[in-house]
Amino acid sequence: MLYDVVIIGGGVVGCAIARELSKYRLKIALTEAYCEVGFGTTKTNSGIIHSGHHSPPESLKGRLVVRGNRLYDDLQRDLKFGFKRIGELDIAQTEEDLQILMELKAKGEKKGVTGLELWDRRRLLREEPNLSANLLGALYAPGAGVINPYELSFGLAESAELNGVKFFRENQIHAIDNQDGVFIARGSRLAIKGRFLVNAAGIFSDKIAEMAGMNDFQIRPRKGEEYMLDKRLQGVVKHLIFPTPQPKSKGILIIPTFDGTIMVGPTAEDVEDRYDSSTSLAGAHTVFNQVRKYCPSISERDVITEFAGLRAVSSTNDFIIGPAKVKGFINVAGIQSPGLTAAPAIAEYVREILFDEGLTAEERNDWQPAIDGPARFALMDNEQRRQWVNSHPKRAKIVCRCELVTEAEVLDAVRHGATTLDGVKFRVRAGMGRCQGGFCTSRVMEILARTQGVPLHTISKRGKGSEMFFPRPEDEGSDDKGGEK
């Protein structure tokens, strides 16, 4: 089949572009290297929707972040992912920081960010009594929020598929040919042909461009380590807490996540290895030594898990979005922070570029914007839980005790595409609590094996190569299905 548009990369940006283009009568394909969308940079994102006052107004990221922020309320209504506008506080630790906060406020107002307020120490400590009494003040940005980024990716992909986009997972692209104006993206499973090719491959976007014969930008991976704290600290801060910006990043943050846990980080370390997801003792020291200056009650003794992700920092230090030298090839590269916030605006921008480059299509009058969101037992009140449990026996069976996840929710995650432990975890939070899957992992694996009709030892954490068990000699070659052993 010849597609009108082929998108390489199923992170939040690629999925947002796919959904945006699905509003038109087009043949669209998206190819993703991992077994599920959002399993690359997206799943390790800090999950912050920025208000937009940090990025320079003259930059492309500065132009798209404010529009992106405004699109999130409608997007959440349609796709039902976890999202709350909890507001952001940029704190001043020195007299020089107070001047920086005034400059950030002026920069934000120039870009149309509304509601920005400067708070003195008294107001800051009244609103956030657990912060250090040594702080001098803060800039308050009410439009900032927190989000579950993987839920957003799953929702965007499900909506796009509902509207006709074809997804090809576990299909890593290793070569691109251009024959008479038709791109052929050759992957590990199959080749896909398209008239236009959108390069949204994250930290590999420069490598994808090279496959098409271009070498005009580079991606430099920047690692960020993050640390998730026990839920006993829920409420220690109510807002996102930012220091004043650092040369390489926005600094080490305190993030009250959508589901109530506190996350601290990230670090900002330039690395060569594009698969480096290691954490380190040095990274932990950097994070906790810094956040204790703002919030003395936060301690590394409360860490329940840690992880690292890679930002796709471009050689221009800005988003690189636009037509490339090869006709029909569109780069969407260098999407580091605030890329998550800007993603829906990036999708609109790419759609405009494609139409400017010659893509033509009629807008659909049967486009379906909304999907059914997942039920969340843990977020229900007692009466809702009683009705939920009484409606089906599987809704009464708790699989994950830490996060109160029922078997019915795990089955629903499987119906919506989860094939791995992480696929279930990122959809319904089974395994995200205090014990980090100590009790629920085996139960989730049994459900995955049973529903897929495969042996238990084939169930993986995040795709091929991450299987949890080796098969017993007597199981190798057997047709045992369902993980009952």
Foldseek 3Di string as FASTA:
>chain_A
DAWAEEEEALALQSLLLLLLCLLFPTAYEYEYQFQDGNPAQQQVDPQKLDCQLPDACVFPCSLQSNVLLVCVVVQCVFQVFQKDQLKEKAWALDPVQVVLLVVSVVSSVVNPQPDKDKFALVVVCVQQVQWDSNIGTIIIRRSMMGTLRVSSSLSSNLLSVVSPYHYHYSWAFDAWDADPQWIWGHTPVGIHIYNAYEQPHFLCSQVVVVRVPDRDKHWWWWKWKKFKFALVCFPSHRHKYFYPCDPQGRDWIWDQHSLRIIMIITDTHTDDDQPDWDDDPVRVCRTVVVVCNTGVVDDPVGTQDMIMHIGGAMPVSGFQFADDPPQNYTYGGRQGPPNSSSSNVSSVVNVVRNVVSPDDTGRDPPRRRHDDAADALLPDDPVVLVVQCVVDVQSVAAQAPQRRDTPVRLVVLVVSPDQAQVSSCSRHVRQVHRNNNPRRVLVSLLVNQQVVFAESQVHAHTDPPRGDDDDDPVCVPPSDTRHPD
